[in-house]
Amino acid sequence: MRAAQEAGLDLVEVSASAVPPVCRIMDYGKYRYEQSKKLAEAKKKQTVIEVKEIKLRPKTEKHDLDFKVKSIRKFLEQKNKVKVTVRFRGREIVYADTQGGDTLKKVAEALADIAVIVQEPKMEGRQMVMFVGPK
């Protein structure tokens, strides 16, 4: 402690569980400042992956489907995951396995070169959901 006071620095305990305890003489304020800068730099470099959602209907026509696929491609190029939802209204739920599954298969085939299916199509209430992520 005397050596730290003579140097005008702080005595910081590095490892209290060691025998004898390990201490270091340093400027603690400067150390905390450098740690916060490192943390801010790491936070700046990290990428946040968002989940975008595209909603379809079982009777969506080819042109509209192509347009939706184009927007899904844009989301995937931005490194986002996409939740593709086919919503069934009224008596359309009868065709969930046939038309809904076919619609999602068409989307998956159109995106095969750029995307990977994260979650296979499954029913969640009155909608069929599939998650797609970038390769």
C-alpha atoms as a PDB file:
ATOM      1  CA  MET A   1       0.000   0.000   0.000  1.00  0.00           C
ATOM      2  CA  ARG A   2       2.917   2.292   0.762  1.00  0.00           C
ATOM      3  CA  ALA A   3       4.401   1.737  -2.710  1.00  0.00           C
ATOM      4  CA  ALA A   4       1.049   2.573  -4.322  1.00  0.00           C
ATOM      5  CA  GLN A   5       0.684   5.760  -2.263  1.00  0.00           C
ATOM      6  CA  GLU A   6       4.239   6.864  -3.136  1.00  0.00           C
ATOM      7  CA  ALA A   7       3.519   6.324  -6.841  1.00  0.00           C
ATOM      8  CA  GLY A   8       0.173   8.144  -6.548  1.00  0.00           C
ATOM      9  CA  LEU A   9      -1.717   5.122  -7.897  1.00  0.00           C
ATOM     10  CA  ASP A  10      -4.309   2.649  -6.602  1.00  0.00           C
ATOM     11  CA  LEU A  11      -3.735  -0.825  -5.136  1.00  0.00           C
ATOM     12  CA  VAL A  12      -6.216  -3.167  -6.853  1.00  0.00           C
ATOM     13  CA  GLU A  13      -6.886  -6.708  -5.652  1.00  0.00           C
ATOM     14  CA  VAL A  14      -6.761  -8.974  -8.731  1.00  0.00           C
ATOM     15  CA  SER A  15      -7.381 -12.385  -7.140  1.00  0.00           C
ATOM     16  CA  ALA A  16      -8.682 -12.560  -3.605  1.00  0.00           C
ATOM     17  CA  SER A  17      -8.916 -16.354  -3.523  1.00  0.00           C
ATOM     18  CA  ALA A  18      -5.193 -16.927  -4.181  1.00  0.00           C
ATOM     19  CA  VAL A  19      -2.800 -17.475  -1.285  1.00  0.00           C
ATOM     20  CA  PRO A  20      -1.361 -14.867  -0.781  1.00  0.00           C
ATOM     21  CA  PRO A  21      -3.903 -12.490  -2.447  1.00  0.00           C
ATOM     22  CA  VAL A  22      -2.691 -11.008  -5.747  1.00  0.00           C
ATOM     23  CA  CYS A  23      -2.702  -7.207  -6.014  1.00  0.00           C
ATOM     24  CA  ARG A  24      -1.655  -4.762  -8.709  1.00  0.00           C
ATOM     25  CA  ILE A  25      -0.590  -1.132  -8.583  1.00  0.00           C
ATOM     26  CA  MET A  26      -2.435   0.825 -11.291  1.00  0.00           C
ATOM     27  CA  ASP A  27      -4.520   3.891 -12.047  1.00  0.00           C
ATOM     28  CA  TYR A  28      -7.973   2.387 -11.492  1.00  0.00           C
ATOM     29  CA  GLY A  29      -9.877   5.275 -13.113  1.00  0.00           C
ATOM     30  CA  LYS A  30      -7.848   4.920 -16.307  1.00  0.00           C
ATOM     31  CA  TYR A  31      -8.359   1.140 -16.252  1.00  0.00           C
ATOM     32  CA  ARG A  32     -12.164   1.511 -15.982  1.00  0.00           C
ATOM     33  CA  TYR A  33     -12.153   4.068 -18.815  1.00  0.00           C
ATOM     34  CA  GLU A  34     -10.214   1.686 -21.105  1.00  0.00           C
ATOM     35  CA  GLN A  35     -12.580  -1.184 -20.244  1.00  0.00           C
ATOM     36  CA  SER A  36     -15.623   0.935 -21.127  1.00  0.00           C
ATOM     37  CA  LYS A  37     -14.002   1.899 -24.453  1.00  0.00           C
ATOM     38  CA  LYS A  38     -13.313  -1.782 -25.269  1.00  0.00           C
ATOM     39  CA  LEU A  39     -16.918  -2.658 -24.402  1.00  0.00           C
ATOM     40  CA  ALA A  40     -18.258   0.153 -26.594  1.00  0.00           C
ATOM     41  CA  GLU A  41     -16.052  -0.967 -29.500  1.00  0.00           C
ATOM     42  CA  ALA A  42     -17.233  -4.570 -29.162  1.00  0.00           C
ATOM     43  CA  LYS A  43     -20.854  -3.401 -29.057  1.00  0.00           C
ATOM     44  CA  LYS A  44     -20.324  -1.355 -32.208  1.00  0.00           C
ATOM     45  CA  LYS A  45     -18.989  -4.367 -34.122  1.00  0.00           C
ATOM     46  CA  GLN A  46     -21.720  -6.831 -33.126  1.00  0.00           C
ATOM     47  CA  THR A  47     -24.576  -7.437 -35.535  1.00  0.00           C
ATOM     48  CA  VAL A  48     -28.171  -7.615 -34.369  1.00  0.00           C
ATOM     49  CA  ILE A  49     -30.217 -10.225 -36.217  1.00  0.00           C
ATOM     50  CA  GLU A  50     -33.828  -9.209 -36.577  1.00  0.00           C
ATOM     51  CA  VAL A  51     -36.732 -11.463 -37.465  1.00  0.00           C
ATOM     52  CA  LYS A  52     -38.799  -9.996 -40.292  1.00  0.00           C
ATOM     53  CA  GLU A  53     -42.240 -11.386 -41.106  1.00  0.00           C
ATOM     54  CA  ILE A  54     -43.924 -11.923 -44.465  1.00  0.00           C
ATOM     55  CA  LYS A  55     -47.612 -12.867 -44.454  1.00  0.00           C
ATOM     56  CA  LEU A  56     -49.231 -14.831 -47.254  1.00  0.00           C
ATOM     57  CA  ARG A  57     -52.598 -16.396 -47.974  1.00  0.00           C
ATOM     58  CA  PRO A  58     -53.113 -19.898 -49.411  1.00  0.00           C
ATOM     59  CA  LYS A  59     -54.586 -18.482 -52.627  1.00  0.00           C
ATOM     60  CA  THR A  60     -51.835 -15.898 -53.239  1.00  0.00           C
ATOM     61  CA  GLU A  61     -51.238 -15.627 -56.997  1.00  0.00           C
ATOM     62  CA  LYS A  62     -47.876 -16.268 -58.658  1.00  0.00           C
ATOM     63  CA  HIS A  63     -46.980 -12.617 -59.326  1.00  0.00           C
ATOM     64  CA  ASP A  64     -47.768 -11.594 -55.751  1.00  0.00           C
ATOM     65  CA  LEU A  65     -45.792 -14.565 -54.466  1.00  0.00           C
ATOM     66  CA  ASP A  66     -42.801 -13.554 -56.620  1.00  0.00           C
ATOM     67  CA  PHE A  67     -43.033 -10.033 -55.231  1.00  0.00           C
ATOM     68  CA  LYS A  68     -43.020 -11.348 -51.642  1.00  0.00           C
ATOM     69  CA  VAL A  69     -40.053 -13.626 -52.442  1.00  0.00           C
ATOM     70  CA  LYS A  70     -38.183 -10.570 -53.739  1.00  0.00           C
ATOM     71  CA  SER A  71     -38.699  -8.769 -50.424  1.00  0.00           C
ATOM     72  CA  ILE A  72     -37.649 -11.910 -48.515  1.00  0.00           C
ATOM     73  CA  ARG A  73     -34.427 -11.944 -50.549  1.00  0.00           C
ATOM     74  CA  LYS A  74     -33.799  -8.328 -49.581  1.00  0.00           C
ATOM     75  CA  PHE A  75     -34.215  -9.198 -45.884  1.00  0.00           C
ATOM     76  CA  LEU A  76     -31.890 -12.211 -46.205  1.00  0.00           C
ATOM     77  CA  GLU A  77     -29.210 -10.105 -47.901  1.00  0.00           C
ATOM     78  CA  GLN A  78     -29.331  -7.830 -44.850  1.00  0.00           C
ATOM     79  CA  LYS A  79     -28.554 -10.965 -42.734  1.00  0.00           C
ATOM     80  CA  ASN A  80     -32.000 -11.049 -41.104  1.00  0.00           C
ATOM     81  CA  LYS A  81     -34.129 -14.112 -40.460  1.00  0.00           C
ATOM     82  CA  VAL A  82     -37.572 -14.196 -42.038  1.00  0.00           C
ATOM     83  CA  LYS A  83     -40.769 -15.682 -40.643  1.00  0.00           C
ATOM     84  CA  VAL A  84     -43.020 -16.723 -43.529  1.00  0.00           C
ATOM     85  CA  THR A  85     -46.633 -17.023 -42.409  1.00  0.00           C
ATOM     86  CA  VAL A  86     -49.588 -18.418 -44.351  1.00  0.00           C
ATOM     87  CA  ARG A  87     -52.811 -17.284 -42.679  1.00  0.00           C
ATOM     88  CA  PHE A  88     -56.026 -19.264 -43.156  1.00  0.00           C
ATOM     89  CA  ARG A  89     -59.431 -17.582 -42.846  1.00  0.00           C
ATOM     90  CA  GLY A  90     -62.753 -19.274 -42.353  1.00  0.00           C
ATOM     91  CA  ARG A  91     -63.071 -22.547 -44.235  1.00  0.00           C
ATOM     92  CA  GLU A  92     -59.623 -22.213 -45.828  1.00  0.00           C
ATOM     93  CA  ILE A  93     -58.253 -24.156 -42.842  1.00  0.00           C
ATOM     94  CA  VAL A  94     -59.430 -27.339 -44.606  1.00  0.00           C
ATOM     95  CA  TYR A  95     -56.703 -26.774 -47.218  1.00  0.00           C
ATOM     96  CA  ALA A  96     -53.927 -26.107 -44.703  1.00  0.00           C
ATOM     97  CA  ASP A  97     -51.916 -29.227 -45.568  1.00  0.00           C
ATOM     98  CA  THR A  98     -52.334 -28.991 -49.339  1.00  0.00           C
ATOM     99  CA  GLN A  99     -52.421 -25.352 -50.447  1.00  0.00           C
ATOM    100  CA  GLY A 100     -50.600 -23.878 -47.441  1.00  0.00           C
ATOM    101  CA  GLY A 101     -47.809 -26.446 -47.589  1.00  0.00           C
ATOM    102  CA  ASP A 102     -47.479 -25.972 -51.360  1.00  0.00           C
ATOM    103  CA  THR A 103     -47.211 -22.199 -50.960  1.00  0.00           C
ATOM    104  CA  LEU A 104     -44.391 -22.540 -48.439  1.00  0.00           C
ATOM    105  CA  LYS A 105     -42.637 -25.136 -50.612  1.00  0.00           C
ATOM    106  CA  LYS A 106     -42.729 -22.710 -53.561  1.00  0.00           C
ATOM    107  CA  VAL A 107     -41.189 -20.005 -51.368  1.00  0.00           C
ATOM    108  CA  ALA A 108     -38.480 -22.401 -50.122  1.00  0.00           C
ATOM    109  CA  GLU A 109     -37.633 -23.518 -53.678  1.00  0.00           C
ATOM    110  CA  ALA A 110     -37.412 -19.909 -54.887  1.00  0.00           C
ATOM    111  CA  LEU A 111     -35.002 -19.079 -52.035  1.00  0.00           C
ATOM    112  CA  ALA A 112     -32.927 -22.297 -52.159  1.00  0.00           C
ATOM    113  CA  ASP A 113     -29.823 -20.518 -53.549  1.00  0.00           C
ATOM    114  CA  ILE A 114     -29.654 -17.809 -50.860  1.00  0.00           C
ATOM    115  CA  ALA A 115     -31.463 -19.239 -47.802  1.00  0.00           C
ATOM    116  CA  VAL A 116     -31.630 -22.210 -45.483  1.00  0.00           C
ATOM    117  CA  ILE A 117     -34.812 -23.350 -43.749  1.00  0.00           C
ATOM    118  CA  VAL A 118     -34.331 -22.811 -40.022  1.00  0.00           C
ATOM    119  CA  GLN A 119     -37.700 -24.267 -39.014  1.00  0.00           C
ATOM    120  CA  GLU A 120     -39.839 -26.504 -41.201  1.00  0.00           C
ATOM    121  CA  PRO A 121     -43.463 -25.445 -41.822  1.00  0.00           C
ATOM    122  CA  LYS A 122     -45.757 -26.139 -38.871  1.00  0.00           C
ATOM    123  CA  MET A 123     -49.249 -25.125 -37.828  1.00  0.00           C
ATOM    124  CA  GLU A 124     -49.719 -22.533 -35.083  1.00  0.00           C
ATOM    125  CA  GLY A 125     -53.442 -22.091 -34.604  1.00  0.00           C
ATOM    126  CA  ARG A 126     -54.951 -20.832 -37.869  1.00  0.00           C
ATOM    127  CA  GLN A 127     -51.613 -20.110 -39.539  1.00  0.00           C
ATOM    128  CA  MET A 128     -48.740 -22.150 -40.922  1.00  0.00           C
ATOM    129  CA  VAL A 129     -45.279 -20.802 -40.075  1.00  0.00           C
ATOM    130  CA  MET A 130     -41.801 -21.396 -41.535  1.00  0.00           C
ATOM    131  CA  PHE A 131     -38.554 -19.673 -40.522  1.00  0.00           C
ATOM    132  CA  VAL A 132     -35.878 -18.964 -43.164  1.00  0.00           C
ATOM    133  CA  GLY A 133     -32.335 -17.743 -42.463  1.00  0.00           C
ATOM    134  CA  PRO A 134     -29.405 -16.592 -44.613  1.00  0.00           C
ATOM    135  CA  LYS A 135     -26.804 -19.147 -45.721  1.00  0.00           C
END
